[in-house]
Amino acid sequence: MSHMLNFDPSSLEAEIGAPAPDRLISGNPEFRTWNFEEAGGLYAGIWEATPGKWRIVYDEWEYFHILSGHSIVTEEGGVPLHLRAGDSLVLRPGFKGTWEVVETTRKDYVIRV
């Protein structure tokens, strides 16, 4: 087994998803996720979403880096944070707010539960 992992979306079929209906605020967003690593409470891969807005709640840590697109993440009671290609962010356990995809957004991520 190699100790390296290449994030190559062409090597894996994307999982298709969407926000839970009770979290959806606007639009009809669709998610595509390529989860390359899932071991010991760690997940890593690439996620893509089409335009829409939904509520998010984090019980886990997530680091991500925006690869393309434009999204707005807003913490409850906070100011909107516009994210574009090249931006990175950590969302900590307990984060509550909204995610709005303005232009189809792709990010790579590492999640620790």
PDB file of N, CA and C in Angstrom:
ATOM      1  N   MET A   1       0.840  -1.190   0.000  1.00  0.00           N
ATOM      2  CA  MET A   1       0.000   0.000   0.000  1.00  0.00           C
ATOM      3  C   MET A   1       0.884   1.252   0.000  1.00  0.00           C
ATOM      4  N   SER A   2       0.562   2.178  -0.863  1.00  0.00           N
ATOM      5  CA  SER A   2       1.310   3.427  -0.938  1.00  0.00           C
ATOM      6  C   SER A   2       0.943   4.337   0.230  1.00  0.00           C
ATOM      7  N   HIS A   3       1.858   5.168   0.616  1.00  0.00           N
ATOM      8  CA  HIS A   3       1.614   6.155   1.660  1.00  0.00           C
ATOM      9  C   HIS A   3       1.330   7.531   1.062  1.00  0.00           C
ATOM     10  N   MET A   4       1.020   7.557  -0.248  1.00  0.00           N
ATOM     11  CA  MET A   4       0.634   8.786  -0.943  1.00  0.00           C
ATOM     12  C   MET A   4      -0.779   8.608  -1.490  1.00  0.00           C
ATOM     13  N   LEU A   5      -1.477   9.719  -1.611  1.00  0.00           N
ATOM     14  CA  LEU A   5      -2.833   9.682  -2.141  1.00  0.00           C
ATOM     15  C   LEU A   5      -3.012  10.837  -3.114  1.00  0.00           C
ATOM     16  N   ASN A   6      -3.301  10.522  -4.366  1.00  0.00           N
ATOM     17  CA  ASN A   6      -3.506  11.521  -5.401  1.00  0.00           C
ATOM     18  C   ASN A   6      -4.994  11.814  -5.526  1.00  0.00           C
ATOM     19  N   PHE A   7      -5.365  13.075  -5.443  1.00  0.00           N
ATOM     20  CA  PHE A   7      -6.763  13.477  -5.590  1.00  0.00           C
ATOM     21  C   PHE A   7      -7.085  13.594  -7.077  1.00  0.00           C
ATOM     22  N   ASP A   8      -7.428  12.499  -7.719  1.00  0.00           N
ATOM     23  CA  ASP A   8      -7.722  12.465  -9.144  1.00  0.00           C
ATOM     24  C   ASP A   8      -9.181  12.070  -9.341  1.00  0.00           C
ATOM     25  N   PRO A   9     -10.066  13.044  -9.600  1.00  0.00           N
ATOM     26  CA  PRO A   9     -11.489  12.725  -9.731  1.00  0.00           C
ATOM     27  C   PRO A   9     -11.808  11.729 -10.843  1.00  0.00           C
ATOM     28  N   SER A  10     -10.936  11.614 -11.838  1.00  0.00           N
ATOM     29  CA  SER A  10     -11.213  10.667 -12.922  1.00  0.00           C
ATOM     30  C   SER A  10     -10.999   9.219 -12.475  1.00  0.00           C
ATOM     31  N   SER A  11     -10.408   9.032 -11.291  1.00  0.00           N
ATOM     32  CA  SER A  11     -10.130   7.684 -10.802  1.00  0.00           C
ATOM     33  C   SER A  11     -11.260   7.118  -9.943  1.00  0.00           C
ATOM     34  N   LEU A  12     -12.312   7.897  -9.727  1.00  0.00           N
ATOM     35  CA  LEU A  12     -13.360   7.513  -8.784  1.00  0.00           C
ATOM     36  C   LEU A  12     -14.699   8.071  -9.243  1.00  0.00           C
ATOM     37  N   GLU A  13     -15.743   7.306  -9.100  1.00  0.00           N
ATOM     38  CA  GLU A  13     -17.090   7.772  -9.421  1.00  0.00           C
ATOM     39  C   GLU A  13     -17.556   8.747  -8.341  1.00  0.00           C
ATOM     40  N   ALA A  14     -18.105   9.884  -8.756  1.00  0.00           N
ATOM     41  CA  ALA A  14     -18.604  10.883  -7.794  1.00  0.00           C
ATOM     42  C   ALA A  14     -19.881  10.394  -7.130  1.00  0.00           C
ATOM     43  N   GLU A  15     -20.013  10.690  -5.836  1.00  0.00           N
ATOM     44  CA  GLU A  15     -21.273  10.476  -5.119  1.00  0.00           C
ATOM     45  C   GLU A  15     -22.114  11.725  -5.340  1.00  0.00           C
ATOM     46  N   ILE A  16     -23.386  11.540  -5.658  1.00  0.00           N
ATOM     47  CA  ILE A  16     -24.294  12.654  -5.911  1.00  0.00           C
ATOM     48  C   ILE A  16     -25.149  12.874  -4.672  1.00  0.00           C
ATOM     49  N   GLY A  17     -25.331  14.138  -4.300  1.00  0.00           N
ATOM     50  CA  GLY A  17     -26.126  14.454  -3.122  1.00  0.00           C
ATOM     51  C   GLY A  17     -26.716  15.844  -3.215  1.00  0.00           C
ATOM     52  N   ALA A  18     -27.342  16.252  -2.113  1.00  0.00           N
ATOM     53  CA  ALA A  18     -27.971  17.566  -2.022  1.00  0.00           C
ATOM     54  C   ALA A  18     -28.184  17.873  -0.547  1.00  0.00           C
ATOM     55  N   PRO A  19     -28.428  19.133  -0.219  1.00  0.00           N
ATOM     56  CA  PRO A  19     -28.731  19.446   1.180  1.00  0.00           C
ATOM     57  C   PRO A  19     -30.023  18.751   1.613  1.00  0.00           C
ATOM     58  N   ALA A  20     -30.100  18.431   2.890  1.00  0.00           N
ATOM     59  CA  ALA A  20     -31.348  17.874   3.431  1.00  0.00           C
ATOM     60  C   ALA A  20     -32.464  18.891   3.185  1.00  0.00           C
ATOM     61  N   PRO A  21     -33.665  18.437   2.825  1.00  0.00           N
ATOM     62  CA  PRO A  21     -34.767  19.360   2.518  1.00  0.00           C
ATOM     63  C   PRO A  21     -35.043  20.378   3.629  1.00  0.00           C
ATOM     64  N   ASP A  22     -34.871  19.983   4.896  1.00  0.00           N
ATOM     65  CA  ASP A  22     -35.151  20.921   5.993  1.00  0.00           C
ATOM     66  C   ASP A  22     -34.059  21.970   6.167  1.00  0.00           C
ATOM     67  N   ARG A  23     -32.940  21.830   5.444  1.00  0.00           N
ATOM     68  CA  ARG A  23     -31.850  22.817   5.518  1.00  0.00           C
ATOM     69  C   ARG A  23     -31.809  23.737   4.301  1.00  0.00           C
ATOM     70  N   LEU A  24     -32.518  23.367   3.252  1.00  0.00           N
ATOM     71  CA  LEU A  24     -32.501  24.133   2.012  1.00  0.00           C
ATOM     72  C   LEU A  24     -33.192  25.480   2.205  1.00  0.00           C
ATOM     73  N   ILE A  25     -32.515  26.552   1.779  1.00  0.00           N
ATOM     74  CA  ILE A  25     -33.072  27.904   1.855  1.00  0.00           C
ATOM     75  C   ILE A  25     -33.520  28.363   0.478  1.00  0.00           C
ATOM     76  N   SER A  26     -32.680  28.148  -0.548  1.00  0.00           N
ATOM     77  CA  SER A  26     -33.052  28.567  -1.898  1.00  0.00           C
ATOM     78  C   SER A  26     -32.306  27.751  -2.943  1.00  0.00           C
ATOM     79  N   GLY A  27     -32.873  27.739  -4.142  1.00  0.00           N
ATOM     80  CA  GLY A  27     -32.245  27.036  -5.256  1.00  0.00           C
ATOM     81  C   GLY A  27     -32.489  25.543  -5.216  1.00  0.00           C
ATOM     82  N   ASN A  28     -31.757  24.851  -6.070  1.00  0.00           N
ATOM     83  CA  ASN A  28     -31.841  23.397  -6.169  1.00  0.00           C
ATOM     84  C   ASN A  28     -30.413  22.848  -6.307  1.00  0.00           C
ATOM     85  N   PRO A  29     -29.565  23.084  -5.290  1.00  0.00           N
ATOM     86  CA  PRO A  29     -28.156  22.691  -5.419  1.00  0.00           C
ATOM     87  C   PRO A  29     -27.971  21.187  -5.474  1.00  0.00           C
ATOM     88  N   GLU A  30     -26.959  20.783  -6.229  1.00  0.00           N
ATOM     89  CA  GLU A  30     -26.567  19.379  -6.308  1.00  0.00           C
ATOM     90  C   GLU A  30     -25.094  19.282  -5.932  1.00  0.00           C
ATOM     91  N   PHE A  31     -24.769  18.271  -5.146  1.00  0.00           N
ATOM     92  CA  PHE A  31     -23.391  18.042  -4.726  1.00  0.00           C
ATOM     93  C   PHE A  31     -22.803  16.875  -5.511  1.00  0.00           C
ATOM     94  N   ARG A  32     -21.514  16.963  -5.795  1.00  0.00           N
ATOM     95  CA  ARG A  32     -20.730  15.831  -6.287  1.00  0.00           C
ATOM     96  C   ARG A  32     -19.532  15.716  -5.356  1.00  0.00           C
ATOM     97  N   THR A  33     -19.307  14.528  -4.830  1.00  0.00           N
ATOM     98  CA  THR A  33     -18.218  14.318  -3.868  1.00  0.00           C
ATOM     99  C   THR A  33     -17.372  13.141  -4.303  1.00  0.00           C
ATOM    100  N   TRP A  34     -16.061  13.370  -4.339  1.00  0.00           N
ATOM    101  CA  TRP A  34     -15.088  12.320  -4.572  1.00  0.00           C
ATOM    102  C   TRP A  34     -14.338  12.154  -3.261  1.00  0.00           C
ATOM    103  N   ASN A  35     -14.693  11.146  -2.470  1.00  0.00           N
ATOM    104  CA  ASN A  35     -14.073  10.927  -1.170  1.00  0.00           C
ATOM    105  C   ASN A  35     -12.937   9.916  -1.343  1.00  0.00           C
ATOM    106  N   PHE A  36     -11.706  10.404  -1.330  1.00  0.00           N
ATOM    107  CA  PHE A  36     -10.539   9.566  -1.606  1.00  0.00           C
ATOM    108  C   PHE A  36     -10.003   8.855  -0.372  1.00  0.00           C
ATOM    109  N   GLU A  37     -10.268   9.403   0.803  1.00  0.00           N
ATOM    110  CA  GLU A  37      -9.743   8.822   2.043  1.00  0.00           C
ATOM    111  C   GLU A  37     -10.830   8.795   3.091  1.00  0.00           C
ATOM    112  N   GLU A  38     -10.964   7.651   3.737  1.00  0.00           N
ATOM    113  CA  GLU A  38     -11.932   7.491   4.816  1.00  0.00           C
ATOM    114  C   GLU A  38     -11.352   6.458   5.774  1.00  0.00           C
ATOM    115  N   ALA A  39     -10.648   6.957   6.797  1.00  0.00           N
ATOM    116  CA  ALA A  39      -9.981   6.042   7.719  1.00  0.00           C
ATOM    117  C   ALA A  39      -9.805   6.705   9.080  1.00  0.00           C
ATOM    118  N   GLY A  40     -10.184   6.008  10.117  1.00  0.00           N
ATOM    119  CA  GLY A  40      -9.936   6.480  11.471  1.00  0.00           C
ATOM    120  C   GLY A  40     -10.510   7.844  11.783  1.00  0.00           C
ATOM    121  N   GLY A  41     -11.692   8.150  11.269  1.00  0.00           N
ATOM    122  CA  GLY A  41     -12.312   9.432  11.543  1.00  0.00           C
ATOM    123  C   GLY A  41     -11.790  10.576  10.685  1.00  0.00           C
ATOM    124  N   LEU A  42     -11.046  10.249   9.632  1.00  0.00           N
ATOM    125  CA  LEU A  42     -10.514  11.260   8.723  1.00  0.00           C
ATOM    126  C   LEU A  42     -11.101  11.028   7.341  1.00  0.00           C
ATOM    127  N   TYR A  43     -11.557  12.108   6.721  1.00  0.00           N
ATOM    128  CA  TYR A  43     -12.094  12.061   5.365  1.00  0.00           C
ATOM    129  C   TYR A  43     -11.369  13.116   4.544  1.00  0.00           C
ATOM    130  N   ALA A  44     -11.047  12.787   3.298  1.00  0.00           N
ATOM    131  CA  ALA A  44     -10.373  13.742   2.431  1.00  0.00           C
ATOM    132  C   ALA A  44     -10.824  13.514   1.001  1.00  0.00           C
ATOM    133  N   GLY A  45     -11.035  14.610   0.283  1.00  0.00           N
ATOM    134  CA  GLY A  45     -11.459  14.480  -1.098  1.00  0.00           C
ATOM    135  C   GLY A  45     -11.757  15.806  -1.747  1.00  0.00           C
ATOM    136  N   ILE A  46     -12.616  15.736  -2.752  1.00  0.00           N
ATOM    137  CA  ILE A  46     -13.039  16.908  -3.509  1.00  0.00           C
ATOM    138  C   ILE A  46     -14.564  16.960  -3.478  1.00  0.00           C
ATOM    139  N   TRP A  47     -15.088  18.161  -3.305  1.00  0.00           N
ATOM    140  CA  TRP A  47     -16.540  18.392  -3.249  1.00  0.00           C
ATOM    141  C   TRP A  47     -16.876  19.509  -4.211  1.00  0.00           C
ATOM    142  N   GLU A  48     -18.004  19.373  -4.889  1.00  0.00           N
ATOM    143  CA  GLU A  48     -18.464  20.399  -5.823  1.00  0.00           C
ATOM    144  C   GLU A  48     -19.960  20.596  -5.620  1.00  0.00           C
ATOM    145  N   ALA A  49     -20.412  21.840  -5.713  1.00  0.00           N
ATOM    146  CA  ALA A  49     -21.838  22.135  -5.558  1.00  0.00           C
ATOM    147  C   ALA A  49     -22.267  23.174  -6.580  1.00  0.00           C
ATOM    148  N   THR A  50     -23.505  23.014  -7.062  1.00  0.00           N
ATOM    149  CA  THR A  50     -24.110  23.977  -7.970  1.00  0.00           C
ATOM    150  C   THR A  50     -24.848  25.033  -7.135  1.00  0.00           C
ATOM    151  N   PRO A  51     -25.259  26.154  -7.751  1.00  0.00           N
ATOM    152  CA  PRO A  51     -25.841  27.263  -6.993  1.00  0.00           C
ATOM    153  C   PRO A  51     -27.060  26.899  -6.148  1.00  0.00           C
ATOM    154  N   GLY A  52     -27.114  27.556  -4.998  1.00  0.00           N
ATOM    155  CA  GLY A  52     -28.192  27.418  -4.035  1.00  0.00           C
ATOM    156  C   GLY A  52     -27.693  27.865  -2.671  1.00  0.00           C
ATOM    157  N   LYS A  53     -28.578  27.820  -1.690  1.00  0.00           N
ATOM    158  CA  LYS A  53     -28.226  28.239  -0.330  1.00  0.00           C
ATOM    159  C   LYS A  53     -28.882  27.301   0.668  1.00  0.00           C
ATOM    160  N   TRP A  54     -28.127  26.922   1.728  1.00  0.00           N
ATOM    161  CA  TRP A  54     -28.643  26.010   2.744  1.00  0.00           C
ATOM    162  C   TRP A  54     -27.968  26.284   4.082  1.00  0.00           C
ATOM    163  N   ARG A  55     -28.602  25.802   5.135  1.00  0.00           N
ATOM    164  CA  ARG A  55     -28.048  25.921   6.483  1.00  0.00           C
ATOM    165  C   ARG A  55     -27.026  24.808   6.714  1.00  0.00           C
ATOM    166  N   ILE A  56     -25.934  25.149   7.419  1.00  0.00           N
ATOM    167  CA  ILE A  56     -24.914  24.156   7.761  1.00  0.00           C
ATOM    168  C   ILE A  56     -24.665  24.171   9.260  1.00  0.00           C
ATOM    169  N   VAL A  57     -24.374  22.989   9.794  1.00  0.00           N
ATOM    170  CA  VAL A  57     -24.028  22.808  11.201  1.00  0.00           C
ATOM    171  C   VAL A  57     -22.864  21.832  11.232  1.00  0.00           C
ATOM    172  N   TYR A  58     -21.790  22.193  11.921  1.00  0.00           N
ATOM    173  CA  TYR A  58     -20.591  21.359  11.968  1.00  0.00           C
ATOM    174  C   TYR A  58     -20.381  20.777  13.354  1.00  0.00           C
ATOM    175  N   ASP A  59     -20.265  19.457  13.427  1.00  0.00           N
ATOM    176  CA  ASP A  59     -19.865  18.753  14.641  1.00  0.00           C
ATOM    177  C   ASP A  59     -18.419  18.300  14.526  1.00  0.00           C
ATOM    178  N   GLU A  60     -17.805  18.540  13.388  1.00  0.00           N
ATOM    179  CA  GLU A  60     -16.458  18.078  13.087  1.00  0.00           C
ATOM    180  C   GLU A  60     -15.588  19.265  12.668  1.00  0.00           C
ATOM    181  N   TRP A  61     -14.282  18.996  12.531  1.00  0.00           N
ATOM    182  CA  TRP A  61     -13.349  19.979  11.994  1.00  0.00           C
ATOM    183  C   TRP A  61     -13.271  19.777  10.495  1.00  0.00           C
ATOM    184  N   GLU A  62     -13.264  20.867   9.750  1.00  0.00           N
ATOM    185  CA  GLU A  62     -13.031  20.761   8.307  1.00  0.00           C
ATOM    186  C   GLU A  62     -12.084  21.864   7.862  1.00  0.00           C
ATOM    187  N   TYR A  63     -11.044  21.455   7.154  1.00  0.00           N
ATOM    188  CA  TYR A  63     -10.179  22.382   6.438  1.00  0.00           C
ATOM    189  C   TYR A  63     -10.526  22.221   4.969  1.00  0.00           C
ATOM    190  N   PHE A  64     -10.669  23.337   4.247  1.00  0.00           N
ATOM    191  CA  PHE A  64     -10.873  23.230   2.809  1.00  0.00           C
ATOM    192  C   PHE A  64     -10.185  24.372   2.079  1.00  0.00           C
ATOM    193  N   HIS A  65      -9.964  24.110   0.789  1.00  0.00           N
ATOM    194  CA  HIS A  65      -9.315  25.061  -0.110  1.00  0.00           C
ATOM    195  C   HIS A  65     -10.191  25.153  -1.351  1.00  0.00           C
ATOM    196  N   ILE A  66     -10.625  26.360  -1.690  1.00  0.00           N
ATOM    197  CA  ILE A  66     -11.484  26.557  -2.854  1.00  0.00           C
ATOM    198  C   ILE A  66     -10.646  26.445  -4.131  1.00  0.00           C
ATOM    199  N   LEU A  67     -11.068  25.549  -5.005  1.00  0.00           N
ATOM    200  CA  LEU A  67     -10.374  25.335  -6.278  1.00  0.00           C
ATOM    201  C   LEU A  67     -10.955  26.181  -7.409  1.00  0.00           C
ATOM    202  N   SER A  68     -12.281  26.379  -7.362  1.00  0.00           N
ATOM    203  CA  SER A  68     -12.940  27.188  -8.394  1.00  0.00           C
ATOM    204  C   SER A  68     -14.313  27.617  -7.893  1.00  0.00           C
ATOM    205  N   GLY A  69     -14.853  28.652  -8.522  1.00  0.00           N
ATOM    206  CA  GLY A  69     -16.193  29.115  -8.205  1.00  0.00           C
ATOM    207  C   GLY A  69     -16.222  30.241  -7.190  1.00  0.00           C
ATOM    208  N   HIS A  70     -17.429  30.497  -6.686  1.00  0.00           N
ATOM    209  CA  HIS A  70     -17.663  31.572  -5.719  1.00  0.00           C
ATOM    210  C   HIS A  70     -18.768  31.116  -4.778  1.00  0.00           C
ATOM    211  N   SER A  71     -18.452  31.090  -3.491  1.00  0.00           N
ATOM    212  CA  SER A  71     -19.419  30.761  -2.455  1.00  0.00           C
ATOM    213  C   SER A  71     -19.358  31.808  -1.356  1.00  0.00           C
ATOM    214  N   ILE A  72     -20.429  31.891  -0.588  1.00  0.00           N
ATOM    215  CA  ILE A  72     -20.492  32.785   0.563  1.00  0.00           C
ATOM    216  C   ILE A  72     -20.837  31.940   1.784  1.00  0.00           C
ATOM    217  N   VAL A  73     -19.962  31.948   2.781  1.00  0.00           N
ATOM    218  CA  VAL A  73     -20.216  31.240   4.040  1.00  0.00           C
ATOM    219  C   VAL A  73     -20.453  32.304   5.106  1.00  0.00           C
ATOM    220  N   THR A  74     -21.552  32.151   5.843  1.00  0.00           N
ATOM    221  CA  THR A  74     -21.906  33.131   6.860  1.00  0.00           C
ATOM    222  C   THR A  74     -22.191  32.415   8.168  1.00  0.00           C
ATOM    223  N   GLU A  75     -21.470  32.776   9.215  1.00  0.00           N
ATOM    224  CA  GLU A  75     -21.726  32.222  10.544  1.00  0.00           C
ATOM    225  C   GLU A  75     -22.907  32.962  11.157  1.00  0.00           C
ATOM    226  N   GLU A  76     -23.750  32.247  11.928  1.00  0.00           N
ATOM    227  CA  GLU A  76     -24.871  32.892  12.609  1.00  0.00           C
ATOM    228  C   GLU A  76     -24.369  34.107  13.369  1.00  0.00           C
ATOM    229  N   GLY A  77     -24.975  35.257  13.115  1.00  0.00           N
ATOM    230  CA  GLY A  77     -24.579  36.482  13.790  1.00  0.00           C
ATOM    231  C   GLY A  77     -23.311  37.103  13.254  1.00  0.00           C
ATOM    232  N   GLY A  78     -22.722  36.515  12.208  1.00  0.00           N
ATOM    233  CA  GLY A  78     -21.471  37.018  11.645  1.00  0.00           C
ATOM    234  C   GLY A  78     -21.669  37.699  10.309  1.00  0.00           C
ATOM    235  N   VAL A  79     -20.566  38.094   9.723  1.00  0.00           N
ATOM    236  CA  VAL A  79     -20.599  38.747   8.410  1.00  0.00           C
ATOM    237  C   VAL A  79     -20.323  37.723   7.326  1.00  0.00           C
ATOM    238  N   PRO A  80     -20.893  37.896   6.145  1.00  0.00           N
ATOM    239  CA  PRO A  80     -20.652  36.965   5.041  1.00  0.00           C
ATOM    240  C   PRO A  80     -19.178  36.956   4.637  1.00  0.00           C
ATOM    241  N   LEU A  81     -18.661  35.766   4.373  1.00  0.00           N
ATOM    242  CA  LEU A  81     -17.284  35.596   3.904  1.00  0.00           C
ATOM    243  C   LEU A  81     -17.339  35.053   2.479  1.00  0.00           C
ATOM    244  N   HIS A  82     -16.900  35.872   1.523  1.00  0.00           N
ATOM    245  CA  HIS A  82     -16.891  35.467   0.120  1.00  0.00           C
ATOM    246  C   HIS A  82     -15.645  34.633  -0.131  1.00  0.00           C
ATOM    247  N   LEU A  83     -15.841  33.439  -0.684  1.00  0.00           N
ATOM    248  CA  LEU A  83     -14.747  32.510  -0.950  1.00  0.00           C
ATOM    249  C   LEU A  83     -14.626  32.268  -2.446  1.00  0.00           C
ATOM    250  N   ARG A  84     -13.387  32.395  -2.923  1.00  0.00           N
ATOM    251  CA  ARG A  84     -13.099  32.173  -4.340  1.00  0.00           C
ATOM    252  C   ARG A  84     -11.846  31.336  -4.466  1.00  0.00           C
ATOM    253  N   ALA A  85     -11.523  30.936  -5.685  1.00  0.00           N
ATOM    254  CA  ALA A  85     -10.348  30.098  -5.935  1.00  0.00           C
ATOM    255  C   ALA A  85      -9.132  30.657  -5.212  1.00  0.00           C
ATOM    256  N   GLY A  86      -8.445  29.780  -4.478  1.00  0.00           N
ATOM    257  CA  GLY A  86      -7.259  30.156  -3.727  1.00  0.00           C
ATOM    258  C   GLY A  86      -7.514  30.390  -2.249  1.00  0.00           C
ATOM    259  N   ASP A  87      -8.784  30.573  -1.854  1.00  0.00           N
ATOM    260  CA  ASP A  87      -9.104  30.802  -0.446  1.00  0.00           C
ATOM    261  C   ASP A  87      -9.151  29.488   0.322  1.00  0.00           C
ATOM    262  N   SER A  88      -8.724  29.541   1.580  1.00  0.00           N
ATOM    263  CA  SER A  88      -8.759  28.379   2.479  1.00  0.00           C
ATOM    264  C   SER A  88      -9.464  28.777   3.762  1.00  0.00           C
ATOM    265  N   LEU A  89     -10.080  27.794   4.416  1.00  0.00           N
ATOM    266  CA  LEU A  89     -10.832  28.075   5.631  1.00  0.00           C
ATOM    267  C   LEU A  89     -10.861  26.828   6.503  1.00  0.00           C
ATOM    268  N   VAL A  90     -10.957  27.039   7.812  1.00  0.00           N
ATOM    269  CA  VAL A  90     -11.217  25.964   8.758  1.00  0.00           C
ATOM    270  C   VAL A  90     -12.556  26.268   9.422  1.00  0.00           C
ATOM    271  N   LEU A  91     -13.453  25.290   9.403  1.00  0.00           N
ATOM    272  CA  LEU A  91     -14.701  25.377  10.159  1.00  0.00           C
ATOM    273  C   LEU A  91     -14.558  24.440  11.345  1.00  0.00           C
ATOM    274  N   ARG A  92     -14.788  24.976  12.541  1.00  0.00           N
ATOM    275  CA  ARG A  92     -14.604  24.212  13.777  1.00  0.00           C
ATOM    276  C   ARG A  92     -15.924  23.612  14.248  1.00  0.00           C
ATOM    277  N   PRO A  93     -15.834  22.571  15.083  1.00  0.00           N
ATOM    278  CA  PRO A  93     -17.056  22.014  15.662  1.00  0.00           C
ATOM    279  C   PRO A  93     -17.860  23.112  16.361  1.00  0.00           C
ATOM    280  N   GLY A  94     -19.162  23.074  16.156  1.00  0.00           N
ATOM    281  CA  GLY A  94     -20.045  24.075  16.733  1.00  0.00           C
ATOM    282  C   GLY A  94     -20.423  25.180  15.769  1.00  0.00           C
ATOM    283  N   PHE A  95     -19.765  25.207  14.577  1.00  0.00           N
ATOM    284  CA  PHE A  95     -20.097  26.233  13.582  1.00  0.00           C
ATOM    285  C   PHE A  95     -21.533  26.027  13.117  1.00  0.00           C
ATOM    286  N   LYS A  96     -22.292  27.131  13.084  1.00  0.00           N
ATOM    287  CA  LYS A  96     -23.649  27.129  12.537  1.00  0.00           C
ATOM    288  C   LYS A  96     -23.771  28.343  11.632  1.00  0.00           C
ATOM    289  N   GLY A  97     -24.385  28.148  10.484  1.00  0.00           N
ATOM    290  CA  GLY A  97     -24.551  29.261   9.569  1.00  0.00           C
ATOM    291  C   GLY A  97     -25.149  28.810   8.257  1.00  0.00           C
ATOM    292  N   THR A  98     -24.744  29.499   7.182  1.00  0.00           N
ATOM    293  CA  THR A  98     -25.260  29.164   5.854  1.00  0.00           C
ATOM    294  C   THR A  98     -24.099  29.062   4.870  1.00  0.00           C
ATOM    295  N   TRP A  99     -24.344  28.256   3.843  1.00  0.00           N
ATOM    296  CA  TRP A  99     -23.430  28.149   2.701  1.00  0.00           C
ATOM    297  C   TRP A  99     -24.257  28.510   1.480  1.00  0.00           C
ATOM    298  N   GLU A 100     -23.784  29.495   0.735  1.00  0.00           N
ATOM    299  CA  GLU A 100     -24.455  29.892  -0.499  1.00  0.00           C
ATOM    300  C   GLU A 100     -23.469  29.761  -1.657  1.00  0.00           C
ATOM    301  N   VAL A 101     -23.830  28.954  -2.639  1.00  0.00           N
ATOM    302  CA  VAL A 101     -23.022  28.826  -3.843  1.00  0.00           C
ATOM    303  C   VAL A 101     -23.574  29.822  -4.862  1.00  0.00           C
ATOM    304  N   VAL A 102     -22.746  30.800  -5.218  1.00  0.00           N
ATOM    305  CA  VAL A 102     -23.112  31.813  -6.203  1.00  0.00           C
ATOM    306  C   VAL A 102     -22.764  31.303  -7.599  1.00  0.00           C
ATOM    307  N   GLU A 103     -21.541  30.774  -7.751  1.00  0.00           N
ATOM    308  CA  GLU A 103     -21.094  30.121  -8.978  1.00  0.00           C
ATOM    309  C   GLU A 103     -20.618  28.733  -8.578  1.00  0.00           C
ATOM    310  N   THR A 104     -20.947  27.722  -9.381  1.00  0.00           N
ATOM    311  CA  THR A 104     -20.564  26.347  -9.053  1.00  0.00           C
ATOM    312  C   THR A 104     -19.175  26.349  -8.429  1.00  0.00           C
ATOM    313  N   THR A 105     -19.085  25.753  -7.247  1.00  0.00           N
ATOM    314  CA  THR A 105     -17.872  25.791  -6.433  1.00  0.00           C
ATOM    315  C   THR A 105     -17.301  24.397  -6.272  1.00  0.00           C
ATOM    316  N   ARG A 106     -15.975  24.321  -6.394  1.00  0.00           N
ATOM    317  CA  ARG A 106     -15.255  23.060  -6.138  1.00  0.00           C
ATOM    318  C   ARG A 106     -14.194  23.334  -5.090  1.00  0.00           C
ATOM    319  N   LYS A 107     -14.095  22.436  -4.116  1.00  0.00           N
ATOM    320  CA  LYS A 107     -13.081  22.559  -3.059  1.00  0.00           C
ATOM    321  C   LYS A 107     -12.468  21.206  -2.800  1.00  0.00           C
ATOM    322  N   ASP A 108     -11.234  21.211  -2.289  1.00  0.00           N
ATOM    323  CA  ASP A 108     -10.723  19.982  -1.706  1.00  0.00           C
ATOM    324  C   ASP A 108     -10.811  20.140  -0.192  1.00  0.00           C
ATOM    325  N   TYR A 109     -10.917  19.036   0.510  1.00  0.00           N
ATOM    326  CA  TYR A 109     -11.209  19.102   1.934  1.00  0.00           C
ATOM    327  C   TYR A 109     -10.512  17.985   2.697  1.00  0.00           C
ATOM    328  N   VAL A 110     -10.348  18.262   3.989  1.00  0.00           N
ATOM    329  CA  VAL A 110      -9.948  17.256   4.969  1.00  0.00           C
ATOM    330  C   VAL A 110     -10.861  17.468   6.177  1.00  0.00           C
ATOM    331  N   ILE A 111     -11.559  16.406   6.577  1.00  0.00           N
ATOM    332  CA  ILE A 111     -12.490  16.467   7.701  1.00  0.00           C
ATOM    333  C   ILE A 111     -12.026  15.495   8.766  1.00  0.00           C
ATOM    334  N   ARG A 112     -12.047  15.951  10.010  1.00  0.00           N
ATOM    335  CA  ARG A 112     -11.724  15.079  11.142  1.00  0.00           C
ATOM    336  C   ARG A 112     -12.937  15.056  12.058  1.00  0.00           C
ATOM    337  N   VAL A 113     -13.457  13.858  12.296  1.00  0.00           N
ATOM    338  CA  VAL A 113     -14.621  13.725  13.178  1.00  0.00           C
ATOM    339  C   VAL A 113     -14.197  13.297  14.562  1.00  0.00           C
TER     340      VAL A 113
END
